[in-house]
C-alpha atoms as a PDB file:
ATOM      1  CA  MET A   1      52.699 -71.708 181.080  1.00  0.00           C
ATOM      2  CA  SER A   2      49.271 -73.795 181.571  1.00  0.00           C
ATOM      3  CA  ASN A   3      48.542 -75.460 184.856  1.00  0.00           C
ATOM      4  CA  PRO A   4      47.977 -79.178 183.920  1.00  0.00           C
ATOM      5  CA  ASN A   5      45.594 -79.498 187.172  1.00  0.00           C
ATOM      6  CA  LEU A   6      43.168 -77.246 185.900  1.00  0.00           C
ATOM      7  CA  LYS A   7      40.204 -78.341 183.819  1.00  0.00           C
ATOM      8  CA  PRO A   8      40.821 -77.820 180.073  1.00  0.00           C
ATOM      9  CA  SER A   9      37.796 -75.360 179.794  1.00  0.00           C
ATOM     10  CA  THR A  10      39.768 -73.195 182.093  1.00  0.00           C
ATOM     11  CA  ARG A  11      43.133 -73.633 180.211  1.00  0.00           C
ATOM     12  CA  ALA A  12      41.507 -72.938 177.055  1.00  0.00           C
ATOM     13  CA  THR A  13      38.868 -70.371 177.779  1.00  0.00           C
ATOM     14  CA  VAL A  14      36.116 -68.995 175.527  1.00  0.00           C
ATOM     15  CA  VAL A  15      36.603 -65.114 175.726  1.00  0.00           C
ATOM     16  CA  ALA A  16      34.650 -64.038 172.619  1.00  0.00           C
ATOM     17  CA  ALA A  17      32.038 -65.618 170.307  1.00  0.00           C
ATOM     18  CA  LEU A  18      30.589 -64.965 166.884  1.00  0.00           C
ATOM     19  CA  ALA A  19      27.072 -66.705 167.080  1.00  0.00           C
ATOM     20  CA  SER A  20      26.605 -69.190 164.038  1.00  0.00           C
ATOM     21  CA  ALA A  21      24.318 -67.440 161.538  1.00  0.00           C
ATOM     22  CA  SER A  22      23.820 -66.996 157.801  1.00  0.00           C
ATOM     23  CA  ARG A  23      26.254 -63.799 157.079  1.00  0.00           C
ATOM     24  CA  SER A  24      25.644 -61.746 154.249  1.00  0.00           C
ATOM     25  CA  VAL A  25      28.253 -59.622 152.215  1.00  0.00           C
ATOM     26  CA  GLY A  26      30.122 -57.687 154.675  1.00  0.00           C
ATOM     27  CA  ALA A  27      32.135 -57.805 157.983  1.00  0.00           C
ATOM     28  CA  ALA A  28      31.160 -59.504 161.149  1.00  0.00           C
ATOM     29  CA  THR A  29      33.493 -59.105 164.199  1.00  0.00           C
ATOM     30  CA  THR A  30      33.692 -60.541 167.841  1.00  0.00           C
ATOM     31  CA  SER A  31      33.804 -58.647 170.856  1.00  0.00           C
ATOM     32  CA  ALA A  32      37.288 -57.262 172.322  1.00  0.00           C
ATOM     33  CA  VAL A  33      39.680 -59.484 173.829  1.00  0.00           C
ATOM     34  CA  ASP A  34      42.476 -58.020 176.336  1.00  0.00           C
ATOM     35  CA  MET A  35      45.567 -59.516 175.453  1.00  0.00           C
ATOM     36  CA  SER A  36      47.303 -58.161 178.508  1.00  0.00           C
ATOM     37  CA  GLN A  37      45.728 -61.076 180.201  1.00  0.00           C
ATOM     38  CA  TYR A  38      47.003 -63.867 177.674  1.00  0.00           C
ATOM     39  CA  GLU A  39      50.018 -64.774 176.041  1.00  0.00           C
ATOM     40  CA  ASN A  40      47.959 -66.406 173.033  1.00  0.00           C
ATOM     41  CA  VAL A  41      44.707 -66.796 171.549  1.00  0.00           C
ATOM     42  CA  GLN A  42      42.905 -68.409 168.588  1.00  0.00           C
ATOM     43  CA  ALA A  43      39.962 -67.697 166.581  1.00  0.00           C
ATOM     44  CA  ILE A  44      38.155 -70.876 165.382  1.00  0.00           C
ATOM     45  CA  ILE A  45      35.615 -70.368 162.799  1.00  0.00           C
ATOM     46  CA  SER A  46      32.860 -73.095 161.625  1.00  0.00           C
ATOM     47  CA  VAL A  47      32.034 -72.577 158.207  1.00  0.00           C
ATOM     48  CA  GLY A  48      28.827 -74.173 156.530  1.00  0.00           C
ATOM     49  CA  ALA A  49      27.321 -73.543 152.995  1.00  0.00           C
ATOM     50  CA  PHE A  50      28.711 -70.971 150.897  1.00  0.00           C
ATOM     51  CA  GLY A  51      26.197 -69.024 148.497  1.00  0.00           C
ATOM     52  CA  THR A  52      27.204 -69.157 144.537  1.00  0.00           C
ATOM     53  CA  ASP A  53      30.697 -67.730 144.176  1.00  0.00           C
ATOM     54  CA  ALA A  54      30.784 -66.747 147.833  1.00  0.00           C
ATOM     55  CA  THR A  55      34.323 -65.959 149.588  1.00  0.00           C
ATOM     56  CA  ALA A  56      35.202 -65.728 153.063  1.00  0.00           C
ATOM     57  CA  THR A  57      38.323 -64.645 154.979  1.00  0.00           C
ATOM     58  CA  LEU A  58      39.335 -64.474 158.692  1.00  0.00           C
ATOM     59  CA  LYS A  59      41.669 -62.093 160.042  1.00  0.00           C
ATOM     60  CA  TRP A  60      42.929 -60.389 163.224  1.00  0.00           C
ATOM     61  CA  GLN A  61      42.505 -56.724 164.028  1.00  0.00           C
ATOM     62  CA  GLN A  62      43.965 -54.755 167.156  1.00  0.00           C
ATOM     63  CA  ALA A  63      43.186 -51.592 168.990  1.00  0.00           C
ATOM     64  CA  THR A  64      43.892 -49.468 171.942  1.00  0.00           C
ATOM     65  CA  ASP A  65      40.418 -49.412 173.224  1.00  0.00           C
ATOM     66  CA  THR A  66      37.489 -51.731 173.250  1.00  0.00           C
ATOM     67  CA  ASP A  67      35.633 -49.703 170.945  1.00  0.00           C
ATOM     68  CA  PHE A  68      38.053 -50.126 168.218  1.00  0.00           C
ATOM     69  CA  SER A  69      38.100 -46.388 167.259  1.00  0.00           C
ATOM     70  CA  ASP A  70      41.526 -46.834 166.111  1.00  0.00           C
ATOM     71  CA  ALA A  71      41.460 -50.469 164.782  1.00  0.00           C
ATOM     72  CA  LYS A  72      44.126 -51.790 162.496  1.00  0.00           C
ATOM     73  CA  ASP A  73      45.107 -55.130 161.072  1.00  0.00           C
ATOM     74  CA  ILE A  74      47.766 -57.194 162.663  1.00  0.00           C
ATOM     75  CA  THR A  75      50.344 -57.361 160.068  1.00  0.00           C
ATOM     76  CA  ALA A  76      52.241 -60.360 161.713  1.00  0.00           C
ATOM     77  CA  ARG A  77      49.235 -62.523 160.522  1.00  0.00           C
ATOM     78  CA  SER A  78      47.832 -62.785 157.270  1.00  0.00           C
ATOM     79  CA  ALA A  79      44.029 -63.136 156.356  1.00  0.00           C
ATOM     80  CA  ILE A  80      43.103 -66.679 155.805  1.00  0.00           C
ATOM     81  CA  ASP A  81      40.518 -67.869 153.132  1.00  0.00           C
ATOM     82  CA  LEU A  82      37.946 -69.922 154.368  1.00  0.00           C
ATOM     83  CA  ALA A  83      36.713 -72.946 152.609  1.00  0.00           C
ATOM     84  CA  GLU A  84      32.904 -74.336 152.455  1.00  0.00           C
ATOM     85  CA  GLU A  85      31.980 -76.915 155.167  1.00  0.00           C
ATOM     86  CA  LEU A  86      35.527 -76.766 156.768  1.00  0.00           C
ATOM     87  CA  PRO A  87      36.657 -75.047 159.973  1.00  0.00           C
ATOM     88  CA  GLY A  88      39.223 -72.306 159.906  1.00  0.00           C
ATOM     89  CA  VAL A  89      41.833 -71.634 162.546  1.00  0.00           C
ATOM     90  CA  ILE A  90      44.048 -68.628 163.119  1.00  0.00           C
ATOM     91  CA  ASN A  91      46.325 -68.155 165.693  1.00  0.00           C
ATOM     92  CA  LEU A  92      47.927 -64.960 167.645  1.00  0.00           C
ATOM     93  CA  LYS A  93      50.634 -64.535 169.961  1.00  0.00           C
ATOM     94  CA  ALA A  94      50.674 -61.319 172.250  1.00  0.00           C
ATOM     95  CA  THR A  95      53.939 -60.388 171.129  1.00  0.00           C
ATOM     96  CA  GLU A  96      52.803 -60.034 167.436  1.00  0.00           C
ATOM     97  CA  LEU A  97      50.454 -56.657 168.574  1.00  0.00           C
ATOM     98  CA  ASP A  98      51.944 -53.173 168.314  1.00  0.00           C
ATOM     99  CA  VAL A  99      52.374 -52.983 172.080  1.00  0.00           C
ATOM    100  CA  ASN A 100      54.672 -49.798 171.714  1.00  0.00           C
ATOM    101  CA  GLY A 101      51.520 -48.105 170.092  1.00  0.00           C
ATOM    102  CA  GLY A 102      49.463 -49.126 173.068  1.00  0.00           C
ATOM    103  CA  PHE A 103      47.651 -51.684 171.094  1.00  0.00           C
ATOM    104  CA  ARG A 104      46.259 -54.451 173.731  1.00  0.00           C
ATOM    105  CA  TYR A 105      42.832 -55.463 172.370  1.00  0.00           C
ATOM    106  CA  VAL A 106      42.140 -57.774 169.698  1.00  0.00           C
ATOM    107  CA  ARG A 107      39.102 -59.154 167.633  1.00  0.00           C
ATOM    108  CA  ALA A 108      38.589 -61.603 164.791  1.00  0.00           C
ATOM    109  CA  VAL A 109      37.121 -60.192 161.694  1.00  0.00           C
ATOM    110  CA  LEU A 110      35.140 -62.454 159.625  1.00  0.00           C
ATOM    111  CA  THR A 111      34.457 -60.857 155.958  1.00  0.00           C
ATOM    112  CA  ILE A 112      32.102 -62.288 153.585  1.00  0.00           C
ATOM    113  CA  GLY A 113      32.186 -61.661 149.824  1.00  0.00           C
ATOM    114  CA  THR A 114      29.769 -61.903 146.889  1.00  0.00           C
ATOM    115  CA  ALA A 115      27.292 -63.972 148.459  1.00  0.00           C
ATOM    116  CA  ALA A 116      26.030 -65.341 151.939  1.00  0.00           C
ATOM    117  CA  VAL A 117      28.057 -67.766 154.092  1.00  0.00           C
ATOM    118  CA  HIS A 118      26.834 -69.785 157.090  1.00  0.00           C
ATOM    119  CA  ALA A 119      29.560 -69.192 159.906  1.00  0.00           C
ATOM    120  CA  GLY A 120      30.085 -68.931 163.536  1.00  0.00           C
ATOM    121  CA  GLY A 121      32.898 -69.210 165.835  1.00  0.00           C
ATOM    122  CA  VAL A 122      34.941 -68.746 169.197  1.00  0.00           C
ATOM    123  CA  ILE A 123      37.995 -67.221 170.240  1.00  0.00           C
ATOM    124  CA  LEU A 124      39.853 -69.441 172.673  1.00  0.00           C
ATOM    125  CA  ALA A 125      42.291 -67.643 175.074  1.00  0.00           C
ATOM    126  CA  HIS A 126      45.628 -69.826 175.921  1.00  0.00           C
ATOM    127  CA  ASP A 127      48.195 -69.219 178.921  1.00  0.00           C
ATOM    128  CA  ALA A 128      46.181 -66.745 180.902  1.00  0.00           C
ATOM    129  CA  LYS A 129      48.762 -64.703 183.155  1.00  0.00           C
ATOM    130  CA  ASN A 130      46.490 -65.155 186.208  1.00  0.00           C
ATOM    131  CA  GLN A 131      44.972 -68.672 186.370  1.00  0.00           C
ATOM    132  CA  PRO A 132      42.200 -69.831 186.552  1.00  0.00           C
ATOM    133  CA  THR A 133      40.378 -67.653 184.191  1.00  0.00           C
ATOM    134  CA  ASP A 134      36.798 -67.301 183.678  1.00  0.00           C
ATOM    135  CA  ALA A 135      35.070 -67.777 180.312  1.00  0.00           C
ATOM    136  CA  MET A 136      32.805 -65.137 178.833  1.00  0.00           C
ATOM    137  CA  THR A 137      29.615 -64.814 180.256  1.00  0.00           C
ATOM    138  CA  GLY A 138      26.973 -67.200 179.105  1.00  0.00           C
ATOM    139  CA  THR A 139      29.372 -70.160 178.281  1.00  0.00           C
ATOM    140  CA  VAL A 140      28.106 -73.506 179.353  1.00  0.00           C
ATOM    141  CA  ILE A 141      30.819 -75.667 181.071  1.00  0.00           C
ATOM    142  CA  ASP A 142      30.356 -79.129 182.656  1.00  0.00           C
END
């Protein structure tokens, strides 16, 4: 449960980011987020211009280590198709991970098809198990 006495930036903490850039065909990923520390996360992607016939999807992957050497998709959450000039948001609960298999790390995966897409985004963590929690290094907070 969030503590309403904390600043909003502490209750919804930036824990990973994908720099805004022109993304070529292929996949771009955020860094790992340790879900043993949070109840919920959301990936928020800001999408700009699409190249001709471009496609973009956003999904979650899970792993047992931060290198994602055994990465697999989170089947409880389907990938979402992104639209030109519109944001995309995909939520995830810690209970949707394969915890019995030891999976505790997640990352957002942005996949670009056919032509380049300009996009970037953040992962916000909610309901930290130990509050207050710190934002990722380099996050500017006022």
